[in-house]
N, C-alpha and C. Protein backbone atom coordinates (compact mmCIF):
# COMPACT_ATOMS: atom_id res chain seq x y z
N MET A 1 -5.79 14.98 -0.46
CA MET A 1 -5.66 15.58 1.13
C MET A 1 -6.74 14.42 1.68
N VAL A 2 -7.98 14.76 2.02
CA VAL A 2 -9.00 14.38 2.90
C VAL A 2 -8.98 13.04 2.60
N GLU A 3 -8.75 12.39 1.45
CA GLU A 3 -8.72 11.13 1.34
C GLU A 3 -7.52 10.23 2.26
N LEU A 4 -6.25 11.27 1.72
CA LEU A 4 -5.44 10.22 3.53
C LEU A 4 -5.78 10.33 4.61
N PHE A 5 -5.91 11.50 4.77
CA PHE A 5 -6.61 11.41 6.70
C PHE A 5 -7.51 10.80 6.79
N GLN A 6 -8.69 10.34 5.84
CA GLN A 6 -9.78 9.63 6.05
C GLN A 6 -9.24 8.34 6.37
N GLN A 7 -8.16 8.21 5.31
CA GLN A 7 -7.46 6.73 5.37
C GLN A 7 -6.52 6.40 6.77
N PHE A 8 -6.13 7.36 7.23
CA PHE A 8 -5.12 7.21 8.52
C PHE A 8 -5.99 7.17 9.66
N ILE A 9 -7.64 7.57 10.04
CA ILE A 9 -8.15 7.10 10.91
C ILE A 9 -9.01 6.30 10.83
N GLU A 10 -9.05 6.13 9.58
CA GLU A 10 -9.75 4.51 9.49
C GLU A 10 -8.93 3.35 9.79
N LEU A 11 -7.05 3.43 9.37
CA LEU A 11 -6.36 2.97 9.71
C LEU A 11 -5.98 2.55 11.11
N LYS A 12 -6.25 3.74 11.96
CA LYS A 12 -6.20 3.75 13.18
C LYS A 12 -7.32 2.79 14.12
N ALA A 13 -8.70 2.87 13.28
CA ALA A 13 -9.85 2.23 13.98
C ALA A 13 -9.56 0.66 13.36
N LEU A 14 -8.81 0.27 12.45
CA LEU A 14 -8.85 -0.71 12.25
C LEU A 14 -7.54 -1.67 12.96
N ALA A 15 -6.53 -0.91 13.00
CA ALA A 15 -5.75 -1.49 14.14
C ALA A 15 -5.83 -2.43 15.07
N TYR A 16 -6.87 -1.11 15.72
CA TYR A 16 -7.62 -1.55 16.91
C TYR A 16 -8.85 -2.90 17.50
N PHE A 17 -9.08 -3.00 16.39
CA PHE A 17 -9.99 -3.83 16.34
C PHE A 17 -9.69 -5.23 15.38
N THR A 18 -8.72 -4.80 14.62
CA THR A 18 -8.28 -6.28 14.03
C THR A 18 -7.71 -7.14 15.10
N ALA A 19 -6.92 -6.00 15.77
CA ALA A 19 -6.02 -6.63 16.96
C ALA A 19 -6.96 -7.31 17.82
N LEU A 20 -8.18 -6.93 18.10
CA LEU A 20 -9.07 -7.03 18.98
C LEU A 20 -10.05 -8.73 18.32
N ALA A 21 -10.14 -8.10 17.31
CA ALA A 21 -10.07 -9.31 16.78
C ALA A 21 -9.77 -11.18 16.81
N ARG A 22 -8.09 -10.52 16.15
CA ARG A 22 -7.26 -11.20 16.66
C ARG A 22 -6.85 -12.66 17.95
N SER A 23 -7.21 -11.15 19.12
CA SER A 23 -7.38 -11.91 20.29
C SER A 23 -8.40 -12.40 20.72
N HIS A 24 -9.79 -12.35 20.20
CA HIS A 24 -10.66 -13.68 20.66
C HIS A 24 -10.29 -14.49 19.51
N LEU A 25 -9.88 -14.62 18.83
CA LEU A 25 -9.58 -15.87 17.45
C LEU A 25 -8.46 -16.69 18.51
N LEU A 26 -7.69 -16.20 19.08
CA LEU A 26 -6.80 -16.80 20.00
C LEU A 26 -7.49 -17.28 21.14
N THR A 27 -8.06 -16.97 21.87
CA THR A 27 -8.64 -17.56 22.95
C THR A 27 -9.85 -18.32 22.52
N CYS A 28 -10.85 -18.34 21.42
CA CYS A 28 -11.79 -19.19 20.76
C CYS A 28 -11.31 -20.76 21.43
N PRO A 29 -12.10 -21.27 22.09
CA PRO A 29 -11.36 -22.90 22.03
C PRO A 29 -11.75 -23.63 20.48
N ARG A 30 -12.39 -23.19 19.36
CA ARG A 30 -12.44 -23.93 18.43
C ARG A 30 -11.53 -24.01 17.51
N PHE A 31 -10.87 -22.60 18.10
CA PHE A 31 -9.57 -22.06 16.89
C PHE A 31 -8.74 -21.58 17.61
N ALA A 32 -8.60 -22.66 18.54
CA ALA A 32 -7.26 -22.41 19.47
C ALA A 32 -6.15 -22.67 18.63
N VAL A 33 -5.13 -21.78 19.12
CA VAL A 33 -3.50 -21.83 18.26
C VAL A 33 -2.67 -22.77 18.62
N ARG A 34 -2.62 -24.28 18.64
CA ARG A 34 -1.69 -25.02 19.33
C ARG A 34 -0.53 -24.67 18.96
N ILE A 35 0.27 -23.51 19.36
CA ILE A 35 1.62 -23.41 19.43
C ILE A 35 2.24 -23.41 20.75
N GLU A 36 3.29 -23.90 21.63
CA GLU A 36 3.66 -24.11 22.27
C GLU A 36 4.12 -23.07 22.95
N HIS A 37 5.41 -22.64 21.71
CA HIS A 37 5.80 -21.17 22.55
C HIS A 37 4.87 -19.59 23.03
N MET A 38 3.58 -20.12 22.41
CA MET A 38 2.32 -18.95 22.25
C MET A 38 1.59 -19.21 23.78
N ALA A 39 1.82 -20.58 24.29
CA ALA A 39 0.88 -20.78 25.41
C ALA A 39 0.58 -19.87 26.30
N ASP A 40 1.90 -18.98 26.72
CA ASP A 40 1.77 -18.01 27.96
C ASP A 40 1.64 -16.55 27.14
N ARG A 41 1.43 -16.01 26.68
CA ARG A 41 1.28 -14.80 25.70
C ARG A 41 -0.31 -14.49 25.63
N PRO A 42 -0.11 -13.01 26.63
CA PRO A 42 -1.79 -12.67 26.81
C PRO A 42 -2.59 -12.49 24.93
N SER A 43 -3.50 -13.03 25.43
CA SER A 43 -4.09 -12.90 23.79
C SER A 43 -4.51 -11.20 23.57
N TYR A 44 -4.23 -10.33 24.38
CA TYR A 44 -4.47 -9.02 23.87
C TYR A 44 -3.53 -7.84 23.42
N ILE A 45 -2.24 -8.95 23.33
CA ILE A 45 -0.76 -7.83 23.55
C ILE A 45 -0.67 -7.37 21.85
N GLY A 46 -1.36 -8.09 21.08
CA GLY A 46 -1.36 -7.60 19.46
C GLY A 46 -2.32 -6.16 19.60
N MET A 47 -3.66 -6.43 20.48
CA MET A 47 -4.04 -5.09 20.81
C MET A 47 -3.64 -3.83 20.74
N LEU A 48 -3.21 -4.06 22.38
CA LEU A 48 -1.76 -2.80 22.90
C LEU A 48 -0.98 -2.76 21.85
N ALA A 49 -0.38 -3.59 21.30
CA ALA A 49 0.65 -3.07 20.27
C ALA A 49 -0.16 -2.38 19.26
N ALA A 50 -0.97 -2.34 18.98
CA ALA A 50 -1.77 -1.49 18.07
C ALA A 50 -1.79 -0.30 18.25
N ILE A 51 -2.78 -0.19 19.44
CA ILE A 51 -3.07 0.70 20.21
C ILE A 51 -2.03 1.75 20.36
N ALA A 52 -0.40 1.52 20.78
CA ALA A 52 0.91 2.11 20.99
C ALA A 52 0.98 2.53 19.69
N ASN A 53 1.17 1.88 18.29
CA ASN A 53 1.33 2.10 17.23
C ASN A 53 0.61 3.68 16.73
N ALA A 54 -0.57 3.05 16.90
CA ALA A 54 -1.83 4.43 16.23
C ALA A 54 -1.75 5.24 16.79
N GLU A 55 -1.72 5.39 17.97
CA GLU A 55 -1.13 6.84 18.79
C GLU A 55 0.13 7.36 18.87
N ARG A 56 1.00 6.56 18.21
CA ARG A 56 2.17 7.54 18.47
C ARG A 56 2.02 8.11 16.80
N GLY A 57 1.32 7.90 15.59
CA GLY A 57 0.97 8.28 14.42
C GLY A 57 0.12 9.43 14.47
N GLY A 58 -0.94 9.24 15.39
CA GLY A 58 -1.51 10.29 15.69
C GLY A 58 -1.02 11.54 16.69
N TYR A 59 -0.07 11.34 17.05
CA TYR A 59 0.97 12.35 17.97
C TYR A 59 1.52 13.34 16.52
N GLU A 60 2.44 12.27 15.96
CA GLU A 60 2.61 13.17 14.86
C GLU A 60 1.86 13.98 14.13
N LEU A 61 0.85 13.38 13.65
CA LEU A 61 -0.32 14.22 13.02
C LEU A 61 -0.98 15.37 13.44
N PHE A 62 -1.12 15.45 14.76
CA PHE A 62 -1.66 16.21 15.41
C PHE A 62 -0.36 17.53 15.53
N LYS A 63 0.81 17.11 15.62
CA LYS A 63 1.83 18.13 16.24
C LYS A 63 2.28 18.65 14.80
N ALA A 64 2.13 17.85 13.75
CA ALA A 64 2.48 18.40 12.19
C ALA A 64 1.03 19.57 12.19
N TRP A 65 -0.17 19.28 12.28
CA TRP A 65 -1.12 20.39 12.08
C TRP A 65 -0.86 21.36 13.08
N ALA A 66 -0.58 21.32 14.24
CA ALA A 66 -0.49 22.23 15.69
C ALA A 66 0.63 23.44 14.38
N SER A 67 2.25 22.96 13.91
CA SER A 67 2.97 23.67 13.63
C SER A 67 2.31 24.09 12.25
N SER A 68 1.76 23.53 11.88
CA SER A 68 1.12 24.30 10.47
C SER A 68 -0.27 25.42 10.24
N THR A 69 -0.91 25.48 11.73
CA THR A 69 -2.11 26.37 11.60
C THR A 69 -1.85 27.71 11.94
N ARG A 70 -2.22 28.29 11.36
CA ARG A 70 -2.19 29.91 11.38
C ARG A 70 -3.19 30.78 12.53
N ASP A 71 -3.76 29.46 13.39
CA ASP A 71 -5.00 29.93 14.57
C ASP A 71 -4.17 29.17 15.59
N ALA A 72 -4.38 30.50 16.27
CA ALA A 72 -3.34 30.10 17.97
C ALA A 72 -4.25 29.51 19.00
N ARG A 73 -5.66 29.78 18.42
CA ARG A 73 -6.28 28.70 19.54
C ARG A 73 -6.08 27.74 19.27
N LEU A 74 -6.94 27.31 17.52
CA LEU A 74 -6.79 25.61 17.19
C LEU A 74 -5.09 24.81 17.83
N ARG A 75 -4.02 26.02 17.51
CA ARG A 75 -2.78 25.28 17.95
C ARG A 75 -2.99 24.51 19.00
N THR A 76 -3.51 25.39 20.31
CA THR A 76 -3.55 25.50 21.87
C THR A 76 -4.21 23.65 21.50
N VAL A 77 -5.14 23.89 21.13
CA VAL A 77 -5.87 22.40 21.39
C VAL A 77 -5.19 21.16 20.58
N LEU A 78 -4.83 21.64 18.94
CA LEU A 78 -4.14 20.42 18.60
C LEU A 78 -2.56 19.89 19.56
N ASN A 79 -2.07 20.35 20.01
CA ASN A 79 -0.67 20.84 20.84
C ASN A 79 -1.47 19.57 22.28
N THR A 80 -2.56 19.83 22.69
CA THR A 80 -3.29 19.20 23.70
C THR A 80 -3.38 18.09 23.67
N VAL A 81 -3.94 17.92 22.37
CA VAL A 81 -4.20 16.73 21.75
C VAL A 81 -3.12 15.55 21.60
N ALA A 82 -1.71 16.33 20.76
CA ALA A 82 -0.69 15.83 20.02
C ALA A 82 -0.19 15.11 21.60
N VAL A 83 -0.11 15.79 22.82
CA VAL A 83 0.52 15.60 23.90
C VAL A 83 0.08 14.26 24.27
N ARG A 84 -1.37 14.31 24.63
CA ARG A 84 -1.98 13.21 25.06
C ARG A 84 -1.71 11.77 24.12
N GLU A 85 -2.14 11.66 22.50
CA GLU A 85 -1.34 10.92 21.94
C GLU A 85 -0.30 10.31 22.45
N ALA A 86 0.79 11.34 22.70
CA ALA A 86 2.26 10.08 22.44
C ALA A 86 2.19 9.80 23.83
N GLU A 87 1.07 10.48 25.04
CA GLU A 87 1.79 9.52 26.18
C GLU A 87 0.41 8.28 26.36
N HIS A 88 -0.21 8.32 25.56
CA HIS A 88 -0.95 6.97 25.21
C HIS A 88 0.05 5.64 24.90
N SER A 89 0.42 6.19 23.56
CA SER A 89 1.55 5.59 23.36
C SER A 89 2.89 5.10 24.17
N TRP A 90 3.39 5.91 24.35
CA TRP A 90 3.90 5.40 25.98
C TRP A 90 3.77 4.52 26.92
N ALA A 91 2.47 5.11 27.27
CA ALA A 91 2.17 4.00 28.70
C ALA A 91 1.65 2.75 28.16
N PHE A 92 1.07 2.56 26.38
CA PHE A 92 0.79 1.21 26.39
C PHE A 92 2.29 0.38 26.26
N GLU A 93 3.39 1.29 25.06
CA GLU A 93 4.43 0.44 25.14
C GLU A 93 5.09 0.08 26.34
N LYS A 94 4.97 0.79 27.49
CA LYS A 94 5.66 0.91 28.92
C LYS A 94 4.78 -0.57 29.40
N ARG A 95 3.12 -0.74 29.01
CA ARG A 95 2.65 -2.10 29.81
C ARG A 95 2.61 -3.18 28.78
N LEU A 96 3.45 -2.97 27.56
CA LEU A 96 3.79 -4.23 26.84
C LEU A 96 5.14 -4.72 27.26
N GLY A 97 6.27 -3.66 27.53
CA GLY A 97 7.50 -4.04 28.36
C GLY A 97 6.95 -4.67 29.28
N GLU A 98 6.18 -4.16 30.46
CA GLU A 98 6.10 -4.85 31.92
C GLU A 98 5.91 -6.17 31.90
N LEU A 99 4.60 -6.63 30.54
CA LEU A 99 4.11 -7.78 30.29
C LEU A 99 5.61 -8.88 29.69
N GLY A 100 7.02 -8.09 29.29
CA GLY A 100 8.07 -8.75 28.32
C GLY A 100 7.44 -9.08 26.91
N TYR A 101 6.48 -8.41 26.44
CA TYR A 101 6.96 -7.91 24.92
C TYR A 101 6.81 -6.74 24.38
N PRO A 102 8.22 -6.42 24.17
CA PRO A 102 8.66 -5.37 23.53
C PRO A 102 7.56 -4.93 22.64
N LEU A 103 7.59 -3.42 22.27
CA LEU A 103 6.77 -2.96 21.18
C LEU A 103 7.58 -2.92 19.69
N GLU A 104 7.00 -3.54 18.92
CA GLU A 104 7.74 -3.80 17.27
C GLU A 104 7.04 -2.41 16.70
N PRO A 105 7.31 -2.13 15.63
CA PRO A 105 7.27 -0.59 14.97
C PRO A 105 6.60 -0.78 14.02
N PRO A 106 5.08 -0.56 13.30
CA PRO A 106 4.58 -0.48 12.57
C PRO A 106 4.87 -0.89 11.21
N LYS A 107 4.81 -1.47 10.45
CA LYS A 107 5.61 -2.04 8.74
C LYS A 107 5.11 -1.40 7.67
N THR A 108 4.35 0.05 8.08
CA THR A 108 4.05 0.59 7.04
C THR A 108 4.15 2.21 7.15
N ALA A 109 4.71 2.57 5.92
CA ALA A 109 5.02 3.85 6.08
C ALA A 109 4.04 4.90 5.90
N ALA A 110 2.68 4.32 5.53
CA ALA A 110 1.25 5.58 5.32
C ALA A 110 1.77 6.66 6.14
N THR A 111 1.82 7.07 7.35
CA THR A 111 1.87 8.17 8.25
C THR A 111 2.63 8.60 7.88
N SER A 112 3.69 8.68 7.58
CA SER A 112 4.55 9.80 7.16
C SER A 112 4.23 10.52 6.13
N LYS A 113 3.42 9.64 5.06
CA LYS A 113 2.87 10.52 4.13
C LYS A 113 1.43 11.40 4.81
N ILE A 114 0.88 10.83 5.27
CA ILE A 114 -0.43 11.57 6.05
C ILE A 114 0.42 13.03 6.99
N VAL A 115 1.38 12.63 7.96
CA VAL A 115 1.93 13.67 8.61
C VAL A 115 2.63 15.23 7.64
N LYS A 116 3.21 14.42 6.56
CA LYS A 116 3.45 16.05 5.67
C LYS A 116 1.96 16.64 5.05
N LEU A 117 1.15 16.05 4.49
CA LEU A 117 -0.03 16.73 4.65
C LEU A 117 -0.91 17.26 5.72
N ALA A 118 -0.55 17.33 6.51
CA ALA A 118 -0.91 17.65 8.04
C ALA A 118 -0.01 18.69 8.17
N ALA A 119 1.33 18.61 7.66
CA ALA A 119 1.94 19.90 8.11
C ALA A 119 1.79 20.72 6.74
N SER A 120 1.03 20.38 5.99
CA SER A 120 0.54 21.37 4.53
C SER A 120 -0.42 22.64 5.49
N ARG A 121 -0.05 23.60 4.06
CA ARG A 121 -1.03 25.07 4.33
C ARG A 121 -2.31 24.59 3.83
N SER A 122 -2.96 23.43 4.28
CA SER A 122 -4.45 23.86 3.46
C SER A 122 -5.44 23.90 4.64
N ALA A 123 -6.47 24.20 4.13
CA ALA A 123 -7.30 25.03 5.36
C ALA A 123 -8.06 24.08 6.59
N ASP A 124 -7.65 24.51 7.18
CA ASP A 124 -7.98 23.95 8.76
C ASP A 124 -9.04 23.04 8.67
N THR A 125 -10.16 24.09 8.30
CA THR A 125 -11.31 23.46 8.23
C THR A 125 -11.41 21.95 7.48
N LYS A 126 -10.85 22.03 5.89
CA LYS A 126 -10.80 20.84 5.33
C LYS A 126 -9.81 19.74 6.16
N LYS A 127 -9.25 20.58 7.33
CA LYS A 127 -8.52 19.04 7.84
C LYS A 127 -9.20 18.37 8.76
N PHE A 128 -10.58 19.14 9.22
CA PHE A 128 -11.23 19.04 10.59
C PHE A 128 -12.17 17.33 10.04
N HIS A 129 -12.84 18.33 8.47
CA HIS A 129 -13.03 17.52 7.62
C HIS A 129 -13.20 16.19 7.34
N ALA A 130 -11.60 16.11 7.38
CA ALA A 130 -11.08 15.08 6.88
C ALA A 130 -11.15 13.84 7.98
N LEU A 131 -11.17 14.46 9.35
CA LEU A 131 -10.81 13.39 10.51
C LEU A 131 -12.41 13.49 10.96
N GLY A 132 -13.49 13.67 9.91
CA GLY A 132 -14.98 13.37 10.17
C GLY A 132 -15.68 13.94 10.85
N ILE A 133 -15.21 15.74 11.15
CA ILE A 133 -15.39 16.51 12.25
C ILE A 133 -16.02 17.64 11.39
N GLY A 134 -17.44 18.23 11.79
CA GLY A 134 -17.94 18.96 10.89
C GLY A 134 -18.98 18.36 9.97
N VAL A 135 -18.81 17.40 9.74
CA VAL A 135 -19.44 16.45 8.14
C VAL A 135 -20.93 15.45 9.16
N LYS A 136 -21.27 15.56 7.60
CA LYS A 136 -22.74 14.91 8.49
C LYS A 136 -22.85 13.28 8.18
N ARG A 137 -22.97 12.75 9.14
CA ARG A 137 -23.07 11.40 8.37
C ARG A 137 -23.34 10.19 8.62
N SER A 138 -23.55 9.08 7.77
CA SER A 138 -24.53 8.74 7.35
C SER A 138 -25.45 8.18 8.71
N THR A 139 -26.55 7.25 8.21
CA THR A 139 -27.31 6.63 9.54
C THR A 139 -26.57 5.18 9.50
N ASN A 140 -25.88 4.87 9.01
CA ASN A 140 -24.96 3.38 8.56
C ASN A 140 -24.09 3.63 9.47
N SER A 141 -23.66 4.35 9.43
CA SER A 141 -21.85 4.48 10.23
C SER A 141 -21.82 3.86 11.17
N GLY A 142 -21.12 3.30 12.05
CA GLY A 142 -21.07 3.23 13.08
C GLY A 142 -20.76 4.06 14.51
N ASN A 143 -21.05 3.74 15.83
CA ASN A 143 -20.55 4.74 16.77
C ASN A 143 -19.22 4.22 17.65
N GLN A 144 -18.49 5.36 17.04
CA GLN A 144 -17.27 4.94 17.06
C GLN A 144 -16.88 5.20 18.80
N GLU A 145 -17.22 5.89 19.33
CA GLU A 145 -17.29 5.61 20.76
C GLU A 145 -17.83 4.35 21.65
N ASP A 146 -19.00 3.65 20.76
CA ASP A 146 -19.41 2.63 21.55
C ASP A 146 -18.73 1.88 20.92
N ARG A 147 -17.97 1.59 19.90
CA ARG A 147 -16.97 0.40 19.67
C ARG A 147 -15.68 0.49 20.32
N LEU A 148 -15.04 1.85 21.29
CA LEU A 148 -14.19 1.80 21.71
C LEU A 148 -14.31 0.78 22.99
N LEU A 149 -15.41 0.83 23.46
CA LEU A 149 -15.86 -0.20 24.72
C LEU A 149 -15.17 -1.15 24.58
N ASP A 150 -15.42 -1.77 23.29
CA ASP A 150 -15.04 -3.27 22.41
C ASP A 150 -13.89 -3.95 22.97
N LEU A 151 -13.06 -2.94 23.14
CA LEU A 151 -11.57 -2.83 23.80
C LEU A 151 -11.38 -3.77 25.26
N LEU A 152 -12.41 -3.39 25.80
CA LEU A 152 -12.64 -4.41 27.14
C LEU A 152 -13.26 -5.65 27.39
N SER A 153 -13.88 -5.98 25.69
CA SER A 153 -14.83 -7.05 25.76
C SER A 153 -13.87 -8.52 25.89
N ASP A 154 -12.57 -8.98 25.80
CA ASP A 154 -11.21 -9.71 26.32
C ASP A 154 -12.09 -9.78 27.79
N PRO A 155 -12.33 -11.11 28.28
CA PRO A 155 -12.21 -11.27 29.88
C PRO A 155 -11.11 -11.71 30.45
N SER A 156 -9.88 -11.98 29.76
CA SER A 156 -8.79 -12.10 29.90
C SER A 156 -7.51 -11.17 30.39
N ILE A 157 -8.05 -9.89 29.97
CA ILE A 157 -7.61 -9.13 30.29
C ILE A 157 -7.21 -8.67 32.30
N ASP A 158 -5.86 -8.70 32.27
CA ASP A 158 -5.34 -8.02 33.54
C ASP A 158 -6.09 -7.03 34.14
N ALA A 159 -6.09 -6.61 35.64
CA ALA A 159 -6.63 -5.25 36.21
C ALA A 159 -6.13 -4.19 35.67
N THR A 160 -4.73 -4.20 35.82
CA THR A 160 -3.70 -3.22 35.30
C THR A 160 -3.60 -2.76 34.07
N THR A 161 -4.09 -3.90 32.95
CA THR A 161 -4.40 -3.57 31.98
C THR A 161 -5.89 -2.74 31.70
N GLY A 162 -6.71 -3.40 32.04
CA GLY A 162 -7.68 -3.07 31.90
C GLY A 162 -7.86 -1.53 32.40
N GLU A 163 -7.47 -1.12 33.83
CA GLU A 163 -7.51 0.39 33.69
C GLU A 163 -6.98 1.33 32.93
N LEU A 164 -5.55 1.01 32.53
CA LEU A 164 -5.11 1.78 31.27
C LEU A 164 -5.98 1.27 30.08
N LEU A 165 -6.75 0.84 29.97
CA LEU A 165 -7.76 1.04 28.43
C LEU A 165 -8.53 1.72 28.82
N GLY A 166 -9.55 1.57 30.65
CA GLY A 166 -10.24 2.33 30.46
C GLY A 166 -10.27 3.69 30.26
N ARG A 167 -8.88 4.38 31.17
CA ARG A 167 -8.30 5.83 30.75
C ARG A 167 -8.40 5.91 29.36
N PHE A 168 -7.63 5.34 28.64
CA PHE A 168 -7.55 5.36 27.29
C PHE A 168 -8.65 5.78 26.23
N ILE A 169 -9.88 4.99 26.61
CA ILE A 169 -11.18 5.48 26.21
C ILE A 169 -11.78 6.78 26.70
N CYS A 170 -11.95 7.00 27.73
CA CYS A 170 -12.42 8.59 28.12
C CYS A 170 -11.85 9.13 27.66
N GLU A 171 -10.22 9.52 27.67
CA GLU A 171 -9.60 10.37 27.29
C GLU A 171 -9.33 10.08 25.62
N GLU A 172 -9.71 9.52 25.04
CA GLU A 172 -10.15 9.24 23.52
C GLU A 172 -11.22 10.07 22.86
N ARG A 173 -12.33 9.60 24.03
CA ARG A 173 -13.74 10.31 23.98
C ARG A 173 -13.57 12.24 24.13
N ASP A 174 -12.55 12.59 25.54
CA ASP A 174 -12.58 13.66 25.46
C ASP A 174 -11.76 14.39 24.46
N SER A 175 -10.71 14.38 23.92
CA SER A 175 -10.08 14.60 22.67
C SER A 175 -11.26 15.03 22.32
N GLY A 176 -12.16 13.72 21.11
CA GLY A 176 -12.90 14.10 20.44
C GLY A 176 -13.89 15.53 20.48
N ARG A 177 -14.14 15.54 22.01
CA ARG A 177 -14.84 16.86 22.26
C ARG A 177 -14.42 17.90 22.46
N LEU A 178 -12.53 18.09 22.26
CA LEU A 178 -12.15 19.05 22.20
C LEU A 178 -11.87 19.44 20.86
N LEU A 179 -11.68 18.72 20.22
CA LEU A 179 -12.08 18.53 18.93
C LEU A 179 -13.23 19.39 18.24
N THR A 180 -13.99 18.78 18.70
CA THR A 180 -15.10 19.36 17.97
C THR A 180 -15.54 20.99 18.66
N ASP A 181 -14.95 21.00 19.62
CA ASP A 181 -15.41 22.24 20.20
C ASP A 181 -14.55 22.95 19.54
N ALA A 182 -13.28 22.83 19.18
CA ALA A 182 -12.12 23.59 18.29
C ALA A 182 -12.80 23.94 17.14
N TYR A 183 -13.50 23.25 16.60
CA TYR A 183 -13.88 23.24 14.71
C TYR A 183 -15.06 24.15 14.91
N LYS A 184 -16.23 24.70 15.89
CA LYS A 184 -17.29 24.90 16.30
C LYS A 184 -16.88 26.26 16.69
N SER A 185 -15.95 26.72 16.85
CA SER A 185 -14.57 27.61 17.98
C SER A 185 -14.65 28.21 16.65
N LEU A 186 -13.73 27.43 15.38
CA LEU A 186 -12.97 27.85 14.45
C LEU A 186 -14.04 28.62 13.36
N GLN A 187 -15.20 28.05 13.33
CA GLN A 187 -16.41 28.15 12.47
C GLN A 187 -16.82 30.00 12.87
N ARG A 188 -16.98 29.89 13.95
CA ARG A 188 -17.04 30.95 14.45
C ARG A 188 -16.48 32.04 14.14
N ARG A 189 -15.30 32.02 13.86
CA ARG A 189 -14.31 33.41 14.26
C ARG A 189 -14.50 33.50 12.95
N ILE A 190 -14.42 32.24 11.83
CA ILE A 190 -14.67 32.33 10.54
C ILE A 190 -15.59 33.50 9.88
N ARG A 191 -16.63 32.59 10.42
CA ARG A 191 -18.07 33.82 10.40
C ARG A 191 -18.13 34.92 10.77
N TYR A 192 -17.35 35.39 11.85
CA TYR A 192 -17.05 36.33 12.06
C TYR A 192 -16.00 37.49 11.36
N LYS A 193 -15.19 37.24 11.05
CA LYS A 193 -13.89 37.60 9.81
C LYS A 193 -15.00 37.89 8.60
N LYS A 194 -15.73 37.39 8.36
CA LYS A 194 -16.22 37.10 6.84
C LYS A 194 -17.26 38.19 7.16
N ARG A 195 -18.08 38.65 8.34
CA ARG A 195 -18.95 39.88 8.36
C ARG A 195 -18.15 40.90 8.30
N GLN A 196 -17.25 40.84 9.09
CA GLN A 196 -16.64 42.18 9.28
C GLN A 196 -15.91 42.71 7.64
N THR A 197 -15.64 41.79 7.27
CA THR A 197 -15.15 42.28 5.89
C THR A 197 -16.51 43.38 5.03
N LYS A 198 -17.35 42.27 4.86
CA LYS A 198 -18.28 43.31 4.05
C LYS A 198 -18.87 44.59 4.42
């Protein structure tokens, strides 16, 4: 289960940055795509679609986890993050529509397996660890927060899309803080219960 959770988080990050790399490739003069019907397509459309689909998967994951946890305080946080993920997905899908590019669903069914595991009765602590919360990170691991800023590196991003991406980055970071605080709170409650049973 931990491996599948980690796979989802990695896929979510990979979707953003693969789309980002693709957008740079399309705008680089040396590798310019010479296809006439793509001439007017904004270079960041792939990135927006990747975010919309990844956030939809995030909503399903956190909603399933919220339904399975026995901890009422944690459930509140998970529902908050789930709603935020859903709102991100809808906002990016809406922006894609405004730009004239309807959202295409992802071609992988991996998310459904991960959602089933999130809905399982496995310990909440293990699920947090699978998300990378409460575990020691290697000094070589990249900083996800800093990498989020790379989403704004395409100079052709229009003001409306840039505003949406800026809000998305701030809310993703805040969701990370909410989950980290929820993990710490959960651990305090677990330690307290252990002391009470001694």
